[in-house]
Amino acid sequence: MSTLIPARKIGCTSPQGSTTRTITTILSATVLGVDGVPIEFLTPLDIKAEMQDSHEKDSKGQPEGPDDRHKVFWIYVLILGGGVVFFFLGGLLLRNPNLPSYLYSHVTSWFQNEHNRSSGSPGSRRPPSPNTAEDYLKLTQYDVRGLPSDQRGVALALADAIGNVAAVQVRLTALEEVVRNDLPTLKSANALSAYAKIGPEAAKLLDAANQQKDLFQSLETKLTEQFERSGLNEDLAKQVASLFYQGTPGQKAADQAAKSEKLAGELVAIANLLVETPNKWRVSSDGTITSQDKKLEDEYREHHDALVSVMSR
């Protein structure tokens, strides 16, 4: 004997919404076996619910990100922007080869000052009132923002002088190295083109040599004037300037600049002479340059002999 629960008709609409089908679903059924033991059958799946779940999963599987065209546009912007920044920094470094070391020194100095203030080191405290030249030189160890106006002027002048002394020497050394590395090319069959190439480099070296020579020759006098404007009397200002100058390469740096100036000056003179009188020169395989024009030959020989003399020192 068995007992059946009547079936129900369920209306189901297809995903396209155009067709309605009637699906008969048996909710439950109970059958009594021979011994009167009830047997239950599992309820069939709800087909309509399954179709709705399948439709929702398909909808969720489609990503809803930004438009692909916007992505491509921003990728191009990043690539072009990165390229512009790269070439700008490259050109900046080529024109200023000492820029990294200059920035490094300033950043290091800034971090050192910050560390001094945070750790309560002598640089973060106000120094005792200076009386001697040595005391004034020590002002560079303190934070200038905590100094009185007269002491601040001295400390700033000293810090500026320290930076200038280091900068001119670094620049001169770097430019002279570039020029000296190209000197061997002057002793070849391509000597004319070698002089044309080394001319602009020698002009930069000449400018750097003049700058260093002028700085060291006038350093003591200019510092004295700056100290006097900051409030020091003439004698004390001279003592501080003299003591500072003694701590720099001083005359040695000025002499080195004069030698570099002579080297660069002769190279520039020869390069200009060769460029201004083309087709007047012959070059041998060892780099010897001659001219049939006696006046040009004598002028070239004068500069060449002076150049050889400078290079041999």
Protein backbone atom coordinates (compact mmCIF):
# COMPACT_ATOMS: atom_id res chain seq x y z
CA MET A 1 0.00 0.00 0.00
CA SER A 2 1.33 3.44 -0.80
CA THR A 3 0.41 7.04 -0.22
CA LEU A 4 1.15 9.71 -2.80
CA ILE A 5 1.03 13.46 -2.38
CA PRO A 6 -0.43 15.07 -5.46
CA ALA A 7 2.03 16.69 -7.79
CA ARG A 8 2.05 20.44 -8.43
CA LYS A 9 2.59 22.29 -11.66
CA ILE A 10 5.23 25.01 -11.50
CA GLY A 11 5.53 27.72 -14.12
CA CYS A 12 9.10 28.43 -15.27
CA THR A 13 10.21 31.22 -17.51
CA SER A 14 13.25 30.65 -19.73
CA PRO A 15 16.27 33.05 -19.39
CA GLN A 16 15.24 34.79 -22.60
CA GLY A 17 11.84 35.63 -21.10
CA SER A 18 10.03 34.54 -24.27
CA THR A 19 8.72 31.09 -23.44
CA THR A 20 6.91 29.78 -20.37
CA ARG A 21 7.07 26.06 -19.73
CA THR A 22 5.19 24.02 -17.16
CA ILE A 23 7.31 21.62 -15.23
CA THR A 24 5.72 18.96 -13.01
CA THR A 25 7.68 18.41 -9.85
CA ILE A 26 6.98 15.70 -7.33
CA LEU A 27 7.54 17.26 -3.93
CA SER A 28 7.52 14.03 -1.96
CA ALA A 29 6.35 10.47 -2.14
CA THR A 30 5.94 7.81 0.50
CA VAL A 31 5.47 4.13 -0.31
CA LEU A 32 4.62 1.42 2.18
CA GLY A 33 6.46 -1.76 1.54
CA VAL A 34 5.23 -5.30 1.91
CA ASP A 35 5.97 -5.38 5.63
CA GLY A 36 4.49 -1.98 6.17
CA VAL A 37 7.87 -0.25 6.33
CA PRO A 38 7.65 3.25 4.84
CA ILE A 39 10.05 4.05 2.05
CA GLU A 40 10.78 7.71 1.27
CA PHE A 41 12.16 8.99 -2.00
CA LEU A 42 14.34 12.13 -2.26
CA THR A 43 12.58 15.23 -3.50
CA PRO A 44 13.57 16.07 -7.10
CA LEU A 45 15.63 19.18 -7.73
CA ASP A 46 13.84 22.46 -8.36
CA ILE A 47 14.71 23.04 -12.02
CA LYS A 48 13.63 26.68 -11.96
CA ALA A 49 15.93 27.47 -9.03
CA GLU A 50 18.81 25.70 -10.74
CA MET A 51 18.32 27.72 -13.90
CA GLN A 52 18.26 30.97 -11.90
CA ASP A 53 21.44 30.02 -10.02
CA SER A 54 23.17 29.15 -13.29
CA HIS A 55 22.15 32.49 -14.78
CA GLU A 56 23.49 34.40 -11.74
CA LYS A 57 26.83 32.56 -11.88
CA ASP A 58 27.22 33.41 -15.54
CA SER A 59 26.55 37.07 -14.77
CA LYS A 60 29.06 37.14 -11.89
CA GLY A 61 31.73 35.52 -14.08
CA GLN A 62 31.96 38.66 -16.23
CA PRO A 63 34.46 41.16 -14.73
CA GLU A 64 33.28 44.70 -14.25
CA GLY A 65 36.64 46.52 -14.44
CA PRO A 66 37.47 49.90 -16.09
CA ASP A 67 37.30 50.22 -19.81
CA ASP A 68 40.26 48.63 -21.63
CA ARG A 69 40.85 51.82 -23.59
CA HIS A 70 41.42 53.73 -20.37
CA LYS A 71 43.93 51.13 -19.25
CA VAL A 72 45.89 51.40 -22.51
CA PHE A 73 45.83 55.20 -22.29
CA TRP A 74 47.31 55.26 -18.77
CA ILE A 75 49.93 52.67 -19.73
CA TYR A 76 51.09 54.95 -22.57
CA VAL A 77 51.10 57.93 -20.20
CA LEU A 78 53.30 56.05 -17.71
CA ILE A 79 55.73 54.90 -20.41
CA LEU A 80 56.05 58.35 -21.99
CA GLY A 81 56.31 60.06 -18.61
CA GLY A 82 59.01 57.66 -17.46
CA GLY A 83 60.95 58.23 -20.68
CA VAL A 84 60.80 62.01 -20.30
CA VAL A 85 62.03 61.79 -16.69
CA PHE A 86 64.84 59.39 -17.68
CA PHE A 87 66.15 61.60 -20.50
CA PHE A 88 65.84 64.74 -18.34
CA LEU A 89 67.89 63.21 -15.52
CA GLY A 90 70.42 61.83 -18.02
CA GLY A 91 70.94 65.24 -19.62
CA LEU A 92 71.19 66.86 -16.20
CA LEU A 93 73.93 64.45 -15.13
CA LEU A 94 75.84 64.91 -18.40
CA ARG A 95 75.87 68.69 -17.95
CA ASN A 96 76.65 68.44 -14.22
CA PRO A 97 78.79 65.33 -13.60
CA ASN A 98 79.48 66.39 -10.01
CA LEU A 99 75.80 66.77 -9.14
CA PRO A 100 75.46 63.37 -7.36
CA SER A 101 78.37 64.06 -5.00
CA TYR A 102 77.10 67.59 -4.36
CA LEU A 103 73.60 66.37 -3.50
CA TYR A 104 75.03 63.55 -1.39
CA SER A 105 77.11 65.96 0.70
CA HIS A 106 74.11 68.25 1.30
CA VAL A 107 71.79 65.38 2.21
CA THR A 108 74.41 63.91 4.54
CA SER A 109 74.90 67.30 6.19
CA TRP A 110 71.14 67.70 6.65
CA PHE A 111 70.76 64.27 8.26
CA GLN A 112 73.73 65.00 10.51
CA ASN A 113 72.13 68.24 11.69
CA GLU A 114 68.83 66.47 12.34
CA HIS A 115 70.62 63.77 14.31
CA ASN A 116 72.49 66.36 16.35
CA ARG A 117 69.29 68.13 17.31
CA SER A 118 67.46 64.94 18.24
CA SER A 119 70.35 63.48 20.26
CA GLY A 120 71.15 66.66 22.14
CA SER A 121 74.72 66.78 20.77
CA PRO A 122 76.80 69.99 20.88
CA GLY A 123 75.44 71.02 17.47
CA SER A 124 71.95 71.43 18.93
CA ARG A 125 73.02 73.66 21.83
CA ARG A 126 73.99 77.33 21.79
CA PRO A 127 77.79 77.68 22.01
CA PRO A 128 79.54 79.81 24.60
CA SER A 129 80.31 83.35 23.50
CA PRO A 130 83.33 83.13 21.14
CA ASN A 131 86.39 85.25 21.94
CA THR A 132 89.21 83.91 19.78
CA ALA A 133 89.60 83.00 16.10
CA GLU A 134 89.49 79.30 17.05
CA ASP A 135 86.16 79.83 18.83
CA TYR A 136 84.66 81.44 15.73
CA LEU A 137 85.81 78.58 13.49
CA LYS A 138 83.99 76.15 15.79
CA LEU A 139 80.69 77.90 15.07
CA THR A 140 80.30 75.67 12.00
CA GLN A 141 79.68 72.74 14.39
CA TYR A 142 76.44 74.30 15.67
CA ASP A 143 73.00 74.78 14.19
CA VAL A 144 73.05 78.32 12.78
CA ARG A 145 69.35 78.77 13.57
CA GLY A 146 70.17 78.85 17.26
CA LEU A 147 73.00 81.39 16.98
CA PRO A 148 72.81 85.14 17.60
CA SER A 149 72.74 87.28 14.45
CA ASP A 150 76.43 88.27 14.56
CA GLN A 151 77.61 84.71 15.12
CA ARG A 152 75.16 83.41 12.52
CA GLY A 153 76.71 85.67 9.87
CA VAL A 154 80.20 84.33 10.62
CA ALA A 155 79.02 80.71 10.64
CA LEU A 156 77.18 81.10 7.32
CA ALA A 157 80.19 82.76 5.69
CA LEU A 158 82.45 79.92 6.86
CA ALA A 159 79.99 77.23 5.69
CA ASP A 160 79.68 78.91 2.29
CA ALA A 161 83.47 79.10 1.95
CA ILE A 162 83.85 75.42 2.86
CA GLY A 163 81.33 74.45 0.18
CA ASN A 164 82.94 76.63 -2.49
CA VAL A 165 86.45 75.36 -1.72
CA ALA A 166 85.32 71.75 -2.09
CA ALA A 167 83.19 72.37 -5.19
CA VAL A 168 85.84 74.15 -7.28
CA GLN A 169 88.45 71.50 -6.54
CA VAL A 170 86.12 68.63 -7.45
CA ARG A 171 85.12 70.33 -10.71
CA LEU A 172 88.68 71.15 -11.73
CA THR A 173 89.93 67.63 -10.98
CA ALA A 174 87.13 66.01 -12.98
CA LEU A 175 87.56 68.24 -16.04
CA GLU A 176 91.35 67.92 -16.07
CA GLU A 177 91.03 64.14 -15.96
CA VAL A 178 88.79 64.24 -19.03
CA VAL A 179 91.25 66.40 -20.95
CA ARG A 180 94.33 64.40 -19.99
CA ASN A 181 92.63 61.15 -21.03
CA ASP A 182 92.21 62.60 -24.53
CA LEU A 183 95.78 63.89 -24.89
CA PRO A 184 97.16 60.64 -26.43
CA THR A 185 94.80 61.05 -29.38
CA LEU A 186 96.74 64.17 -30.41
CA LYS A 187 99.69 61.97 -31.39
CA SER A 188 97.99 60.14 -34.23
CA ALA A 189 97.08 60.57 -37.88
CA ASN A 190 93.73 61.96 -36.71
CA ALA A 191 95.33 64.80 -34.77
CA LEU A 192 93.26 67.50 -36.50
CA SER A 193 89.94 65.93 -35.50
CA ALA A 194 91.36 65.17 -32.04
CA TYR A 195 92.15 68.87 -31.50
CA ALA A 196 88.64 69.79 -32.69
CA LYS A 197 87.17 67.40 -30.12
CA ILE A 198 89.39 68.39 -27.21
CA GLY A 199 88.89 72.14 -27.78
CA PRO A 200 85.48 72.45 -26.01
CA GLU A 201 86.70 70.24 -23.15
CA ALA A 202 89.78 72.41 -22.73
CA ALA A 203 87.58 75.54 -22.68
CA LYS A 204 85.62 74.12 -19.73
CA LEU A 205 88.87 73.25 -17.98
CA LEU A 206 90.14 76.78 -18.55
CA ASP A 207 87.02 78.24 -16.93
CA ALA A 208 87.29 75.88 -13.93
CA ALA A 209 90.98 76.69 -13.47
CA ASN A 210 90.32 80.43 -13.50
CA GLN A 211 87.51 79.97 -10.99
CA GLN A 212 89.67 77.99 -8.56
CA LYS A 213 92.64 80.33 -8.88
CA ASP A 214 90.50 83.42 -8.26
CA LEU A 215 88.77 81.78 -5.28
CA PHE A 216 91.95 80.90 -3.41
CA GLN A 217 93.77 84.11 -4.28
CA SER A 218 90.94 86.25 -2.91
CA LEU A 219 89.55 83.91 -0.26
CA GLU A 220 91.20 85.47 2.78
CA THR A 221 90.34 89.04 1.75
CA LYS A 222 86.68 88.26 0.99
CA LEU A 223 86.21 86.36 4.24
CA THR A 224 87.66 89.28 6.20
CA GLU A 225 85.15 91.64 4.58
CA GLN A 226 82.24 89.27 5.31
CA PHE A 227 83.27 88.88 8.95
CA GLU A 228 83.50 92.64 9.38
CA ARG A 229 79.98 93.04 7.97
CA SER A 230 78.80 90.48 10.54
CA GLY A 231 80.09 92.65 13.37
CA LEU A 232 83.67 91.50 14.04
CA ASN A 233 86.36 94.12 14.42
CA GLU A 234 89.01 94.29 11.71
CA ASP A 235 91.79 92.53 13.63
CA LEU A 236 89.62 89.62 14.76
CA ALA A 237 88.09 89.30 11.28
CA LYS A 238 91.57 89.01 9.75
CA GLN A 239 92.61 86.42 12.33
CA VAL A 240 89.57 84.23 11.66
CA ALA A 241 90.00 84.50 7.88
CA SER A 242 93.72 83.71 8.10
CA LEU A 243 93.16 80.69 10.33
CA PHE A 244 90.50 79.36 7.98
CA TYR A 245 92.75 79.85 4.94
CA GLN A 246 95.53 77.89 6.64
CA GLY A 247 93.18 74.92 6.87
CA THR A 248 92.61 74.88 3.08
CA PRO A 249 95.01 73.82 0.29
CA GLY A 250 95.53 77.57 -0.17
CA GLN A 251 98.50 78.46 -2.32
CA LYS A 252 98.96 74.86 -3.43
CA ALA A 253 95.45 74.85 -4.91
CA ALA A 254 96.08 78.19 -6.58
CA ASP A 255 99.31 76.87 -8.13
CA GLN A 256 97.54 73.75 -9.38
CA ALA A 257 94.85 75.91 -10.94
CA ALA A 258 97.50 78.02 -12.68
CA LYS A 259 99.08 74.90 -14.18
CA SER A 260 95.70 73.64 -15.40
CA GLU A 261 94.99 77.08 -16.81
CA LYS A 262 98.20 76.98 -18.85
CA LEU A 263 97.45 73.49 -20.18
CA ALA A 264 93.89 74.38 -21.16
CA GLY A 265 94.92 77.73 -22.64
CA GLU A 266 97.45 76.18 -25.04
CA LEU A 267 95.02 73.47 -26.13
CA VAL A 268 92.31 76.03 -26.83
CA ALA A 269 94.76 78.22 -28.77
CA ILE A 270 95.91 75.33 -31.00
CA ALA A 271 92.36 74.05 -31.54
CA ASN A 272 91.14 77.50 -32.57
CA LEU A 273 94.10 78.02 -34.90
CA LEU A 274 93.47 74.71 -36.71
CA VAL A 275 89.73 75.31 -37.00
CA GLU A 276 90.11 78.87 -38.29
CA THR A 277 92.60 77.87 -41.03
CA PRO A 278 91.29 74.65 -42.58
CA ASN A 279 93.09 72.99 -45.49
CA LYS A 280 96.36 74.63 -44.41
CA TRP A 281 97.77 71.68 -42.48
CA ARG A 282 99.29 68.27 -43.09
CA VAL A 283 99.41 65.50 -40.49
CA SER A 284 101.90 62.64 -40.40
CA SER A 285 101.17 59.21 -38.95
CA ASP A 286 102.74 60.17 -35.59
CA GLY A 287 100.56 63.27 -35.25
CA THR A 288 103.11 65.86 -36.36
CA ILE A 289 101.30 68.85 -37.84
CA THR A 290 102.96 71.10 -40.42
CA SER A 291 101.96 73.90 -42.78
CA GLN A 292 103.43 75.47 -45.88
CA ASP A 293 102.42 78.85 -44.52
CA LYS A 294 105.45 79.90 -42.45
CA LYS A 295 103.48 82.32 -40.28
CA LEU A 296 100.93 79.67 -39.36
CA GLU A 297 103.68 77.12 -38.84
CA ASP A 298 105.54 79.42 -36.40
CA GLU A 299 102.36 80.23 -34.44
CA TYR A 300 101.45 76.57 -34.15
CA ARG A 301 104.98 75.61 -33.11
CA GLU A 302 105.01 78.24 -30.36
CA HIS A 303 101.80 76.93 -28.77
CA HIS A 304 102.80 73.31 -29.28
CA ASP A 305 106.14 73.76 -27.53
CA ALA A 306 104.42 75.47 -24.60
CA LEU A 307 101.90 72.63 -24.42
CA VAL A 308 104.64 70.00 -24.34
CA SER A 309 106.39 71.91 -21.57
CA VAL A 310 103.23 72.00 -19.43
CA MET A 311 102.51 68.31 -19.99
CA SER A 312 106.01 67.31 -18.94
CA ARG A 313 105.72 68.96 -15.49
